Amino acid sequence: MLTTKQENFLDIITDFIGRYWKSPTIDELQTLTNQKSKRGVVQYLESLEKKWFITRWSWFRSIKLWNWIWFQTILNIPILWIANAGRPLSFADQYEYGSIPVSKEVISWDQNNYFFVKVEWTSMNEYKINWKYIENWSYVLINKNEKVINTKDAFLFVVDNAATLKIPKKEWNNLYLIPKSRDDYHKPIILSWEDEVGINWKVVDVFNFEAI
């Protein structure tokens, strides 16, 4: 059995390997765990090794988890924003709100292309992707490589430093951000090409586990 401190230390190693696909160095672990000395880090590693939670070798970044098979199939995708499914009211600061473990079968390409946003409000609750609706408190998966706007798909937009999910439509010198909702009080946002719209990344999936 592990002590609470040992469990926390192992969690930090586990999260690092899941996020970066490489093991942390002694220096990185010292920073991540707020240890006063490298010897403190080594003592934790020795304890985890004796209890068969990790293996170590003499070369650089050689820490391995005994349950590495799990990490060959699971990726940790960060939650970066809370996006408004209404007017763009939530400030888009890119602060990381943790991560969600996702199977490689869900993520088609490099995991660094993806992140989650958590949805507030209901302006997109009639929009369906992969047979699922974007509801209030849904987690929406964004692909940063999908930037070409079309009028069928939903995108994450940042307008005046606020994030929102909408379907775009171009008309002359205007850009409309159009809701798709069962609630008729949601209206399009009308922008001109002179307005600052910083990001237009595509919604590629949605997950509603918090609504269960």
N, C-alpha and C. Protein backbone atom coordinates (compact mmCIF):
# COMPACT_ATOMS: atom_id res chain seq x y z
N MET A 1 0.83 -1.20 0.00
CA MET A 1 0.00 0.00 0.00
C MET A 1 0.87 1.26 0.00
N LEU A 2 0.37 2.30 -0.61
CA LEU A 2 1.08 3.56 -0.65
C LEU A 2 0.53 4.53 0.39
N THR A 3 1.42 5.37 0.90
CA THR A 3 0.96 6.46 1.75
C THR A 3 0.29 7.53 0.86
N THR A 4 -0.40 8.47 1.49
CA THR A 4 -1.06 9.53 0.72
C THR A 4 -0.05 10.34 -0.08
N LYS A 5 1.10 10.65 0.52
CA LYS A 5 2.13 11.41 -0.18
C LYS A 5 2.70 10.62 -1.34
N GLN A 6 2.89 9.32 -1.15
CA GLN A 6 3.39 8.48 -2.24
C GLN A 6 2.38 8.40 -3.38
N GLU A 7 1.08 8.30 -3.04
CA GLU A 7 0.03 8.28 -4.06
C GLU A 7 0.03 9.59 -4.86
N ASN A 8 0.18 10.72 -4.16
CA ASN A 8 0.22 12.01 -4.85
C ASN A 8 1.43 12.09 -5.78
N PHE A 9 2.56 11.59 -5.31
CA PHE A 9 3.79 11.59 -6.11
C PHE A 9 3.61 10.72 -7.36
N LEU A 10 3.01 9.55 -7.18
CA LEU A 10 2.76 8.66 -8.32
C LEU A 10 1.78 9.30 -9.30
N ASP A 11 0.77 9.99 -8.78
CA ASP A 11 -0.20 10.66 -9.65
C ASP A 11 0.49 11.70 -10.53
N ILE A 12 1.47 12.41 -9.96
CA ILE A 12 2.18 13.43 -10.73
C ILE A 12 2.99 12.77 -11.86
N ILE A 13 3.65 11.66 -11.57
CA ILE A 13 4.39 10.94 -12.60
C ILE A 13 3.44 10.42 -13.67
N THR A 14 2.32 9.84 -13.22
CA THR A 14 1.33 9.28 -14.14
C THR A 14 0.78 10.35 -15.07
N ASP A 15 0.43 11.51 -14.50
CA ASP A 15 -0.13 12.59 -15.31
C ASP A 15 0.90 13.11 -16.31
N PHE A 16 2.16 13.22 -15.88
CA PHE A 16 3.22 13.71 -16.76
C PHE A 16 3.41 12.76 -17.95
N ILE A 17 3.48 11.46 -17.69
CA ILE A 17 3.68 10.49 -18.76
C ILE A 17 2.47 10.47 -19.70
N GLY A 18 1.27 10.54 -19.14
CA GLY A 18 0.08 10.56 -19.97
C GLY A 18 -0.03 11.79 -20.83
N ARG A 19 0.49 12.92 -20.32
CA ARG A 19 0.39 14.18 -21.06
C ARG A 19 1.48 14.32 -22.11
N TYR A 20 2.72 13.94 -21.77
CA TYR A 20 3.86 14.22 -22.65
C TYR A 20 4.46 12.98 -23.30
N TRP A 21 3.99 11.80 -22.94
CA TRP A 21 4.50 10.55 -23.49
C TRP A 21 6.00 10.38 -23.29
N LYS A 22 6.46 10.84 -22.17
CA LYS A 22 7.84 10.60 -21.74
C LYS A 22 7.86 10.74 -20.22
N SER A 23 8.84 10.14 -19.59
CA SER A 23 8.89 10.23 -18.13
C SER A 23 9.56 11.53 -17.69
N PRO A 24 9.20 12.04 -16.51
CA PRO A 24 9.83 13.27 -16.02
C PRO A 24 11.26 13.02 -15.53
N THR A 25 12.06 14.06 -15.56
CA THR A 25 13.42 14.00 -15.01
C THR A 25 13.36 14.26 -13.51
N ILE A 26 14.46 14.05 -12.83
CA ILE A 26 14.55 14.34 -11.40
C ILE A 26 14.30 15.83 -11.16
N ASP A 27 14.89 16.68 -12.00
CA ASP A 27 14.70 18.12 -11.84
C ASP A 27 13.23 18.50 -12.03
N GLU A 28 12.58 17.92 -13.03
CA GLU A 28 11.17 18.23 -13.27
C GLU A 28 10.30 17.75 -12.11
N LEU A 29 10.60 16.57 -11.58
CA LEU A 29 9.84 16.07 -10.44
C LEU A 29 10.06 16.92 -9.19
N GLN A 30 11.27 17.41 -9.02
CA GLN A 30 11.53 18.28 -7.88
C GLN A 30 10.67 19.53 -7.95
N THR A 31 10.53 20.10 -9.14
CA THR A 31 9.69 21.29 -9.33
C THR A 31 8.22 20.95 -9.16
N LEU A 32 7.78 19.87 -9.79
CA LEU A 32 6.36 19.51 -9.78
C LEU A 32 5.86 19.11 -8.39
N THR A 33 6.75 18.55 -7.58
CA THR A 33 6.34 18.06 -6.26
C THR A 33 6.79 18.96 -5.12
N ASN A 34 7.44 20.09 -5.48
CA ASN A 34 7.88 21.06 -4.47
C ASN A 34 8.82 20.45 -3.43
N GLN A 35 9.67 19.53 -3.90
CA GLN A 35 10.66 18.95 -3.00
C GLN A 35 11.83 19.91 -2.80
N LYS A 36 12.39 19.94 -1.62
CA LYS A 36 13.51 20.83 -1.32
C LYS A 36 14.82 20.34 -1.91
N SER A 37 14.92 19.04 -2.15
CA SER A 37 16.17 18.49 -2.66
C SER A 37 15.88 17.36 -3.63
N LYS A 38 16.88 17.06 -4.47
CA LYS A 38 16.75 15.93 -5.38
C LYS A 38 16.72 14.61 -4.61
N ARG A 39 17.37 14.58 -3.46
CA ARG A 39 17.38 13.37 -2.64
C ARG A 39 15.96 13.01 -2.21
N GLY A 40 15.14 14.03 -1.91
CA GLY A 40 13.74 13.77 -1.55
C GLY A 40 12.99 13.10 -2.70
N VAL A 41 13.25 13.55 -3.92
CA VAL A 41 12.63 12.94 -5.09
C VAL A 41 13.07 11.49 -5.23
N VAL A 42 14.36 11.24 -5.09
CA VAL A 42 14.90 9.89 -5.24
C VAL A 42 14.31 8.95 -4.19
N GLN A 43 14.11 9.44 -2.98
CA GLN A 43 13.52 8.60 -1.93
C GLN A 43 12.11 8.16 -2.29
N TYR A 44 11.33 9.08 -2.85
CA TYR A 44 9.98 8.72 -3.30
C TYR A 44 10.05 7.68 -4.41
N LEU A 45 10.97 7.88 -5.36
CA LEU A 45 11.11 6.94 -6.47
C LEU A 45 11.52 5.56 -5.98
N GLU A 46 12.43 5.53 -5.01
CA GLU A 46 12.87 4.25 -4.46
C GLU A 46 11.71 3.52 -3.78
N SER A 47 10.87 4.28 -3.07
CA SER A 47 9.71 3.67 -2.40
C SER A 47 8.73 3.10 -3.41
N LEU A 48 8.46 3.84 -4.49
CA LEU A 48 7.54 3.37 -5.51
C LEU A 48 8.09 2.16 -6.25
N GLU A 49 9.40 2.15 -6.41
CA GLU A 49 10.03 1.02 -7.09
C GLU A 49 9.97 -0.24 -6.23
N LYS A 50 10.21 -0.09 -4.94
CA LYS A 50 10.17 -1.24 -4.03
C LYS A 50 8.77 -1.84 -3.96
N LYS A 51 7.75 -0.99 -4.13
CA LYS A 51 6.37 -1.47 -4.06
C LYS A 51 5.82 -1.84 -5.44
N TRP A 52 6.69 -1.89 -6.45
CA TRP A 52 6.35 -2.39 -7.78
C TRP A 52 5.35 -1.50 -8.52
N PHE A 53 5.41 -0.20 -8.28
CA PHE A 53 4.58 0.73 -9.04
C PHE A 53 5.32 1.33 -10.24
N ILE A 54 6.65 1.38 -10.14
CA ILE A 54 7.46 1.89 -11.24
C ILE A 54 8.71 1.03 -11.39
N THR A 55 9.37 1.18 -12.52
CA THR A 55 10.73 0.67 -12.69
C THR A 55 11.60 1.84 -13.14
N ARG A 56 12.89 1.75 -12.83
CA ARG A 56 13.84 2.80 -13.22
C ARG A 56 15.11 2.17 -13.74
N TRP A 57 15.77 2.91 -14.66
CA TRP A 57 17.07 2.50 -15.16
C TRP A 57 18.01 3.69 -15.05
N SER A 58 19.22 3.52 -15.49
CA SER A 58 20.24 4.56 -15.26
C SER A 58 20.20 5.66 -16.31
N TRP A 59 19.50 5.46 -17.42
CA TRP A 59 19.54 6.47 -18.47
C TRP A 59 18.48 7.55 -18.28
N PHE A 60 18.58 8.57 -19.12
CA PHE A 60 17.72 9.76 -19.03
C PHE A 60 16.26 9.41 -19.30
N ARG A 61 15.35 9.94 -18.49
CA ARG A 61 13.90 9.72 -18.61
C ARG A 61 13.57 8.22 -18.69
N SER A 62 14.01 7.48 -17.69
CA SER A 62 13.87 6.02 -17.75
C SER A 62 12.78 5.48 -16.82
N ILE A 63 12.01 6.34 -16.16
CA ILE A 63 10.95 5.86 -15.29
C ILE A 63 9.85 5.23 -16.13
N LYS A 64 9.41 4.05 -15.77
CA LYS A 64 8.32 3.36 -16.45
C LYS A 64 7.27 2.94 -15.42
N LEU A 65 6.02 3.05 -15.81
CA LEU A 65 4.92 2.59 -14.97
C LEU A 65 4.65 1.12 -15.26
N TRP A 66 4.33 0.36 -14.21
CA TRP A 66 4.02 -1.06 -14.43
C TRP A 66 2.73 -1.21 -15.23
N ASN A 67 1.82 -0.25 -15.11
CA ASN A 67 0.57 -0.33 -15.88
C ASN A 67 0.67 0.49 -17.16
N TRP A 68 1.84 0.42 -17.81
CA TRP A 68 2.08 1.22 -19.01
C TRP A 68 1.12 0.88 -20.15
N ILE A 69 0.61 -0.36 -20.17
CA ILE A 69 -0.33 -0.74 -21.23
C ILE A 69 -1.52 0.21 -21.26
N TRP A 70 -1.99 0.62 -20.07
CA TRP A 70 -3.11 1.57 -20.00
C TRP A 70 -2.77 2.87 -20.71
N PHE A 71 -1.53 3.31 -20.56
CA PHE A 71 -1.14 4.59 -21.15
C PHE A 71 -0.80 4.46 -22.63
N GLN A 72 -0.75 3.26 -23.13
CA GLN A 72 -0.61 3.10 -24.56
C GLN A 72 -1.94 3.31 -25.28
N THR A 73 -3.05 3.27 -24.55
CA THR A 73 -4.37 3.41 -25.17
C THR A 73 -5.13 4.64 -24.69
N ILE A 74 -4.67 5.32 -23.65
CA ILE A 74 -5.38 6.45 -23.06
C ILE A 74 -4.54 7.71 -23.16
N LEU A 75 -5.16 8.80 -23.59
CA LEU A 75 -4.51 10.11 -23.67
C LEU A 75 -5.21 11.08 -22.74
N ASN A 76 -4.45 11.95 -22.09
CA ASN A 76 -5.02 12.99 -21.24
C ASN A 76 -5.16 14.28 -22.05
N ILE A 77 -6.40 14.69 -22.33
CA ILE A 77 -6.67 15.86 -23.14
C ILE A 77 -7.07 17.02 -22.21
N PRO A 78 -6.37 18.15 -22.30
CA PRO A 78 -6.64 19.25 -21.34
C PRO A 78 -7.97 19.93 -21.59
N ILE A 79 -8.55 20.45 -20.50
CA ILE A 79 -9.73 21.32 -20.57
C ILE A 79 -9.21 22.75 -20.45
N LEU A 80 -9.32 23.53 -21.52
CA LEU A 80 -8.68 24.85 -21.54
C LEU A 80 -9.65 26.01 -21.32
N TRP A 81 -10.91 25.85 -21.68
CA TRP A 81 -11.82 26.98 -21.62
C TRP A 81 -13.18 26.56 -21.11
N ILE A 82 -13.91 27.54 -20.60
CA ILE A 82 -15.37 27.43 -20.46
C ILE A 82 -15.94 28.31 -21.56
N ALA A 83 -16.70 27.70 -22.49
CA ALA A 83 -17.23 28.43 -23.64
C ALA A 83 -18.72 28.67 -23.45
N ASN A 84 -19.18 29.85 -23.83
CA ASN A 84 -20.57 30.21 -23.67
C ASN A 84 -21.36 29.78 -24.89
N ALA A 85 -22.45 29.05 -24.68
CA ALA A 85 -23.37 28.71 -25.76
C ALA A 85 -24.55 29.67 -25.67
N GLY A 86 -24.25 30.92 -25.86
CA GLY A 86 -25.19 32.02 -25.81
C GLY A 86 -24.44 33.21 -26.36
N ARG A 87 -24.48 34.33 -25.68
CA ARG A 87 -23.60 35.43 -26.05
C ARG A 87 -22.20 35.15 -25.52
N PRO A 88 -21.16 35.69 -26.18
CA PRO A 88 -19.78 35.40 -25.73
C PRO A 88 -19.44 36.18 -24.47
N LEU A 89 -19.77 35.58 -23.31
CA LEU A 89 -19.63 36.29 -22.04
C LEU A 89 -18.49 35.76 -21.19
N SER A 90 -18.10 34.51 -21.38
CA SER A 90 -17.05 33.93 -20.55
C SER A 90 -15.68 34.34 -21.07
N PHE A 91 -14.86 34.90 -20.23
CA PHE A 91 -13.54 35.36 -20.64
C PHE A 91 -12.67 34.19 -21.03
N ALA A 92 -12.05 34.28 -22.20
CA ALA A 92 -11.23 33.19 -22.74
C ALA A 92 -9.78 33.40 -22.35
N ASP A 93 -9.37 32.79 -21.24
CA ASP A 93 -8.02 33.03 -20.73
C ASP A 93 -7.08 31.85 -20.94
N GLN A 94 -7.57 30.75 -21.53
CA GLN A 94 -6.78 29.54 -21.78
C GLN A 94 -6.25 28.90 -20.50
N TYR A 95 -6.85 29.23 -19.37
CA TYR A 95 -6.45 28.57 -18.12
C TYR A 95 -6.84 27.11 -18.19
N GLU A 96 -5.95 26.23 -17.74
CA GLU A 96 -6.23 24.81 -17.82
C GLU A 96 -7.04 24.36 -16.61
N TYR A 97 -8.18 23.71 -16.87
CA TYR A 97 -9.09 23.26 -15.83
C TYR A 97 -8.95 21.77 -15.56
N GLY A 98 -7.78 21.22 -15.77
CA GLY A 98 -7.58 19.79 -15.60
C GLY A 98 -7.56 19.09 -16.95
N SER A 99 -7.77 17.79 -16.95
CA SER A 99 -7.76 17.03 -18.19
C SER A 99 -8.74 15.87 -18.10
N ILE A 100 -9.07 15.30 -19.26
CA ILE A 100 -9.97 14.16 -19.35
C ILE A 100 -9.25 13.03 -20.07
N PRO A 101 -9.19 11.83 -19.47
CA PRO A 101 -8.59 10.70 -20.17
C PRO A 101 -9.47 10.24 -21.33
N VAL A 102 -8.88 10.10 -22.50
CA VAL A 102 -9.63 9.75 -23.71
C VAL A 102 -8.90 8.64 -24.45
N SER A 103 -9.65 7.67 -24.94
CA SER A 103 -9.06 6.57 -25.70
C SER A 103 -8.45 7.06 -27.00
N LYS A 104 -7.36 6.41 -27.42
CA LYS A 104 -6.77 6.70 -28.72
C LYS A 104 -7.74 6.41 -29.86
N GLU A 105 -8.73 5.58 -29.62
CA GLU A 105 -9.71 5.29 -30.65
C GLU A 105 -10.59 6.50 -30.94
N VAL A 106 -10.68 7.43 -29.98
CA VAL A 106 -11.47 8.65 -30.15
C VAL A 106 -10.64 9.73 -30.83
N ILE A 107 -9.36 9.84 -30.46
CA ILE A 107 -8.47 10.87 -30.98
C ILE A 107 -7.77 10.32 -32.22
N SER A 108 -8.06 10.93 -33.37
CA SER A 108 -7.56 10.38 -34.63
C SER A 108 -6.11 10.73 -34.91
N TRP A 109 -5.66 11.91 -34.44
CA TRP A 109 -4.33 12.39 -34.79
C TRP A 109 -3.56 12.71 -33.53
N ASP A 110 -2.55 13.55 -33.67
CA ASP A 110 -1.70 13.95 -32.55
C ASP A 110 -2.54 14.55 -31.43
N GLN A 111 -2.36 14.06 -30.21
CA GLN A 111 -3.16 14.55 -29.09
C GLN A 111 -2.95 16.04 -28.84
N ASN A 112 -1.82 16.61 -29.26
CA ASN A 112 -1.57 18.04 -29.05
C ASN A 112 -2.47 18.91 -29.91
N ASN A 113 -3.18 18.32 -30.86
CA ASN A 113 -4.11 19.08 -31.69
C ASN A 113 -5.46 19.29 -31.00
N TYR A 114 -5.67 18.63 -29.87
CA TYR A 114 -7.00 18.60 -29.27
C TYR A 114 -7.02 19.25 -27.89
N PHE A 115 -8.17 19.81 -27.56
CA PHE A 115 -8.46 20.21 -26.18
C PHE A 115 -9.97 20.24 -26.00
N PHE A 116 -10.39 20.28 -24.73
CA PHE A 116 -11.81 20.35 -24.40
C PHE A 116 -12.19 21.77 -23.97
N VAL A 117 -13.45 22.12 -24.23
CA VAL A 117 -14.07 23.26 -23.56
C VAL A 117 -15.34 22.76 -22.90
N LYS A 118 -15.66 23.36 -21.77
CA LYS A 118 -16.90 23.05 -21.08
C LYS A 118 -17.94 24.09 -21.47
N VAL A 119 -19.14 23.63 -21.81
CA VAL A 119 -20.16 24.50 -22.39
C VAL A 119 -21.10 25.03 -21.30
N GLU A 120 -21.37 26.33 -21.35
CA GLU A 120 -22.39 26.94 -20.51
C GLU A 120 -23.53 27.45 -21.38
N TRP A 121 -24.74 27.12 -21.00
CA TRP A 121 -25.97 27.62 -21.61
C TRP A 121 -26.40 26.77 -22.79
N THR A 122 -27.41 27.21 -23.54
CA THR A 122 -28.18 26.28 -24.38
C THR A 122 -28.32 26.69 -25.85
N SER A 123 -27.51 27.60 -26.33
CA SER A 123 -27.73 28.08 -27.70
C SER A 123 -27.37 27.06 -28.77
N MET A 124 -26.72 25.95 -28.38
CA MET A 124 -26.35 24.92 -29.36
C MET A 124 -26.98 23.57 -29.02
N ASN A 125 -28.06 23.55 -28.24
CA ASN A 125 -28.61 22.27 -27.79
C ASN A 125 -29.44 21.54 -28.85
N GLU A 126 -29.57 22.12 -30.04
CA GLU A 126 -30.20 21.42 -31.16
C GLU A 126 -29.15 20.99 -32.19
N TYR A 127 -27.90 21.28 -31.92
CA TYR A 127 -26.81 20.88 -32.80
C TYR A 127 -26.33 19.49 -32.41
N LYS A 128 -26.28 18.60 -33.38
CA LYS A 128 -25.93 17.20 -33.12
C LYS A 128 -24.62 16.87 -33.85
N ILE A 129 -23.71 16.22 -33.12
CA ILE A 129 -22.48 15.73 -33.71
C ILE A 129 -22.24 14.32 -33.18
N ASN A 130 -21.97 13.41 -34.10
CA ASN A 130 -21.82 11.99 -33.74
C ASN A 130 -23.04 11.48 -32.97
N TRP A 131 -24.22 11.94 -33.38
CA TRP A 131 -25.50 11.53 -32.82
C TRP A 131 -25.71 12.03 -31.39
N LYS A 132 -24.96 13.03 -30.97
CA LYS A 132 -25.09 13.58 -29.61
C LYS A 132 -25.28 15.09 -29.69
N TYR A 133 -26.03 15.65 -28.74
CA TYR A 133 -26.32 17.07 -28.72
C TYR A 133 -25.35 17.82 -27.79
N ILE A 134 -25.11 19.09 -28.13
CA ILE A 134 -24.33 19.97 -27.25
C ILE A 134 -25.28 20.59 -26.24
N GLU A 135 -25.24 20.10 -25.02
CA GLU A 135 -26.13 20.56 -23.97
C GLU A 135 -25.40 21.51 -23.02
N ASN A 136 -26.16 22.12 -22.13
CA ASN A 136 -25.55 22.88 -21.04
C ASN A 136 -24.69 21.92 -20.20
N TRP A 137 -23.42 22.26 -19.99
CA TRP A 137 -22.43 21.49 -19.24
C TRP A 137 -21.84 20.34 -20.05
N SER A 138 -22.09 20.29 -21.35
CA SER A 138 -21.37 19.32 -22.18
C SER A 138 -19.88 19.65 -22.22
N TYR A 139 -19.07 18.62 -22.48
CA TYR A 139 -17.65 18.82 -22.79
C TYR A 139 -17.47 18.63 -24.29
N VAL A 140 -17.00 19.67 -24.95
CA VAL A 140 -16.86 19.68 -26.40
C VAL A 140 -15.39 19.52 -26.76
N LEU A 141 -15.10 18.60 -27.67
CA LEU A 141 -13.74 18.35 -28.12
C LEU A 141 -13.44 19.22 -29.33
N ILE A 142 -12.34 19.97 -29.26
CA ILE A 142 -11.94 20.90 -30.31
C ILE A 142 -10.66 20.40 -30.98
N ASN A 143 -10.62 20.49 -32.30
CA ASN A 143 -9.40 20.18 -33.05
C ASN A 143 -8.79 21.47 -33.57
N LYS A 144 -7.59 21.81 -33.10
CA LYS A 144 -6.94 23.07 -33.48
C LYS A 144 -6.51 23.09 -34.94
N ASN A 145 -6.42 21.94 -35.58
CA ASN A 145 -6.02 21.90 -36.99
C ASN A 145 -7.19 22.13 -37.94
N GLU A 146 -8.41 22.06 -37.43
CA GLU A 146 -9.61 22.23 -38.27
C GLU A 146 -10.02 23.70 -38.22
N LYS A 147 -9.53 24.49 -39.17
CA LYS A 147 -9.73 25.94 -39.13
C LYS A 147 -10.54 26.49 -40.31
N VAL A 148 -10.83 25.65 -41.30
CA VAL A 148 -11.52 26.13 -42.49
C VAL A 148 -13.01 26.22 -42.19
N ILE A 149 -13.56 27.44 -42.19
CA ILE A 149 -14.95 27.67 -41.82
C ILE A 149 -15.89 27.13 -42.89
N ASN A 150 -16.95 26.49 -42.45
CA ASN A 150 -18.05 26.13 -43.33
C ASN A 150 -19.36 26.40 -42.60
N THR A 151 -20.46 26.29 -43.29
CA THR A 151 -21.75 26.66 -42.72
C THR A 151 -22.51 25.48 -42.14
N LYS A 152 -21.89 24.31 -42.05
CA LYS A 152 -22.56 23.14 -41.49
C LYS A 152 -22.08 22.79 -40.10
N ASP A 153 -20.80 23.08 -39.81
CA ASP A 153 -20.20 22.63 -38.56
C ASP A 153 -20.16 23.74 -37.52
N ALA A 154 -20.09 23.33 -36.26
CA ALA A 154 -19.93 24.28 -35.15
C ALA A 154 -18.45 24.54 -34.91
N PHE A 155 -18.14 25.77 -34.52
CA PHE A 155 -16.77 26.18 -34.26
C PHE A 155 -16.70 26.93 -32.93
N LEU A 156 -15.51 26.90 -32.35
CA LEU A 156 -15.22 27.74 -31.19
C LEU A 156 -14.67 29.06 -31.69
N PHE A 157 -15.34 30.16 -31.33
CA PHE A 157 -14.88 31.50 -31.69
C PHE A 157 -14.51 32.26 -30.42
N VAL A 158 -13.52 33.12 -30.54
CA VAL A 158 -13.18 34.04 -29.46
C VAL A 158 -13.42 35.45 -29.97
N VAL A 159 -14.41 36.11 -29.40
CA VAL A 159 -14.83 37.44 -29.80
C VAL A 159 -14.62 38.39 -28.63
N ASP A 160 -13.78 39.42 -28.82
CA ASP A 160 -13.47 40.35 -27.74
C ASP A 160 -13.04 39.62 -26.48
N ASN A 161 -12.16 38.63 -26.66
CA ASN A 161 -11.58 37.86 -25.55
C ASN A 161 -12.60 36.99 -24.82
N ALA A 162 -13.73 36.68 -25.46
CA ALA A 162 -14.72 35.80 -24.86
C ALA A 162 -15.01 34.65 -25.82
N ALA A 163 -15.13 33.44 -25.26
CA ALA A 163 -15.29 32.24 -26.08
C ALA A 163 -16.77 31.89 -26.25
N THR A 164 -17.13 31.50 -27.46
CA THR A 164 -18.50 31.06 -27.72
C THR A 164 -18.50 29.97 -28.79
N LEU A 165 -19.52 29.11 -28.77
CA LEU A 165 -19.71 28.08 -29.78
C LEU A 165 -20.86 28.47 -30.68
N LYS A 166 -20.64 28.45 -32.00
CA LYS A 166 -21.68 28.82 -32.94
C LYS A 166 -21.39 28.19 -34.31
N ILE A 167 -22.39 28.26 -35.19
CA ILE A 167 -22.24 27.88 -36.60
C ILE A 167 -22.03 29.16 -37.41
N PRO A 168 -20.96 29.27 -38.18
CA PRO A 168 -20.68 30.51 -38.89
C PRO A 168 -21.41 30.59 -40.24
N LYS A 169 -21.66 31.82 -40.65
CA LYS A 169 -22.17 32.09 -41.99
C LYS A 169 -21.57 33.40 -42.47
N LYS A 170 -21.03 33.40 -43.68
CA LYS A 170 -20.46 34.60 -44.27
C LYS A 170 -21.46 35.21 -45.25
N GLU A 171 -21.61 36.53 -45.20
CA GLU A 171 -22.44 37.24 -46.16
C GLU A 171 -21.84 38.61 -46.41
N TRP A 172 -21.34 38.80 -47.61
CA TRP A 172 -20.72 40.06 -47.99
C TRP A 172 -19.61 40.40 -46.99
N ASN A 173 -19.72 41.50 -46.25
CA ASN A 173 -18.68 41.85 -45.29
C ASN A 173 -19.09 41.55 -43.86
N ASN A 174 -20.04 40.63 -43.71
CA ASN A 174 -20.49 40.25 -42.37
C ASN A 174 -20.18 38.78 -42.08
N LEU A 175 -19.96 38.50 -40.81
CA LEU A 175 -19.85 37.14 -40.33
C LEU A 175 -20.93 36.96 -39.27
N TYR A 176 -21.83 36.01 -39.49
CA TYR A 176 -22.87 35.70 -38.53
C TYR A 176 -22.45 34.47 -37.73
N LEU A 177 -22.59 34.53 -36.42
CA LEU A 177 -22.39 33.38 -35.56
C LEU A 177 -23.78 32.93 -35.13
N ILE A 178 -24.22 31.80 -35.65
CA ILE A 178 -25.63 31.42 -35.58
C ILE A 178 -25.83 30.29 -34.57
N PRO A 179 -26.77 30.48 -33.64
CA PRO A 179 -27.11 29.40 -32.70
C PRO A 179 -27.96 28.33 -33.38
N LYS A 180 -28.01 27.17 -32.78
CA LYS A 180 -28.92 26.12 -33.22
C LYS A 180 -29.52 25.52 -31.95
N SER A 181 -30.69 26.04 -31.57
CA SER A 181 -31.20 25.77 -30.23
C SER A 181 -32.69 25.48 -30.25
N ARG A 182 -33.12 24.70 -29.26
CA ARG A 182 -34.54 24.48 -29.02
C ARG A 182 -35.18 25.68 -28.32
N ASP A 183 -34.33 26.61 -27.84
CA ASP A 183 -34.82 27.80 -27.13
C ASP A 183 -34.75 28.99 -28.07
N ASP A 184 -35.92 29.53 -28.45
CA ASP A 184 -35.96 30.51 -29.53
C ASP A 184 -35.47 31.90 -29.13
N TYR A 185 -35.13 32.10 -27.86
CA TYR A 185 -34.63 33.41 -27.46
C TYR A 185 -33.16 33.62 -27.82
N HIS A 186 -32.47 32.59 -28.26
CA HIS A 186 -31.09 32.75 -28.71
C HIS A 186 -31.08 33.36 -30.11
N LYS A 187 -30.29 34.39 -30.31
CA LYS A 187 -30.22 35.10 -31.58
C LYS A 187 -28.81 35.06 -32.15
N PRO A 188 -28.67 35.23 -33.47
CA PRO A 188 -27.33 35.28 -34.06
C PRO A 188 -26.53 36.47 -33.57
N ILE A 189 -25.24 36.32 -33.60
CA ILE A 189 -24.32 37.43 -33.34
C ILE A 189 -23.84 37.93 -34.69
N ILE A 190 -24.00 39.23 -34.95
CA ILE A 190 -23.64 39.80 -36.24
C ILE A 190 -22.32 40.55 -36.09
N LEU A 191 -21.33 40.14 -36.88
CA LEU A 191 -20.01 40.75 -36.84
C LEU A 191 -19.64 41.27 -38.22
N SER A 192 -18.75 42.22 -38.25
CA SER A 192 -18.16 42.65 -39.51
C SER A 192 -16.76 42.08 -39.61
N TRP A 193 -16.15 42.19 -40.80
CA TRP A 193 -14.80 41.68 -40.97
C TRP A 193 -13.78 42.50 -40.18
N GLU A 194 -14.20 43.68 -39.71
CA GLU A 194 -13.29 44.51 -38.92
C GLU A 194 -13.28 44.11 -37.45
N ASP A 195 -14.25 43.34 -37.02
CA ASP A 195 -14.27 42.87 -35.64
C ASP A 195 -13.17 41.83 -35.43
N GLU A 196 -12.63 41.83 -34.25
CA GLU A 196 -11.56 40.89 -33.93
C GLU A 196 -12.15 39.54 -33.53
N VAL A 197 -11.98 38.55 -34.38
CA VAL A 197 -12.40 37.18 -34.10
C VAL A 197 -11.13 36.34 -34.12
N GLY A 198 -10.63 36.02 -32.93
CA GLY A 198 -9.28 35.49 -32.83
C GLY A 198 -9.14 34.03 -33.19
N ILE A 199 -10.17 33.22 -32.98
CA ILE A 199 -10.01 31.78 -33.13
C ILE A 199 -11.25 31.21 -33.80
N ASN A 200 -11.07 30.29 -34.71
CA ASN A 200 -12.20 29.57 -35.29
C ASN A 200 -11.81 28.11 -35.46
N TRP A 201 -11.87 27.36 -34.36
CA TRP A 201 -11.49 25.96 -34.36
C TRP A 201 -12.73 25.09 -34.32
N LYS A 202 -12.68 23.98 -35.01
CA LYS A 202 -13.86 23.15 -35.24
C LYS A 202 -14.19 22.23 -34.05
N VAL A 203 -15.48 22.10 -33.78
CA VAL A 203 -15.98 21.11 -32.83
C VAL A 203 -16.00 19.75 -33.52
N VAL A 204 -15.33 18.75 -32.93
CA VAL A 204 -15.25 17.44 -33.58
C VAL A 204 -15.96 16.34 -32.79
N ASP A 205 -16.34 16.62 -31.54
CA ASP A 205 -17.11 15.64 -30.77
C ASP A 205 -17.67 16.31 -29.53
N VAL A 206 -18.62 15.66 -28.88
CA VAL A 206 -19.22 16.18 -27.66
C VAL A 206 -19.50 15.01 -26.72
N PHE A 207 -19.35 15.27 -25.41
CA PHE A 207 -19.55 14.24 -24.39
C PHE A 207 -20.39 14.82 -23.26
N ASN A 208 -21.38 14.06 -22.83
CA ASN A 208 -22.38 14.57 -21.88
C ASN A 208 -22.42 13.79 -20.57
N PHE A 209 -21.27 13.34 -20.10
CA PHE A 209 -21.25 12.49 -18.92
C PHE A 209 -21.69 13.21 -17.66
N GLU A 210 -21.52 14.54 -17.57
CA GLU A 210 -21.94 15.27 -16.37
C GLU A 210 -23.44 15.37 -16.27
N ALA A 211 -24.15 15.20 -17.38
CA ALA A 211 -25.60 15.33 -17.37
C ALA A 211 -26.28 14.03 -16.95
N ILE A 212 -25.51 12.95 -16.82
CA ILE A 212 -26.10 11.65 -16.48
C ILE A 212 -26.57 11.63 -15.03
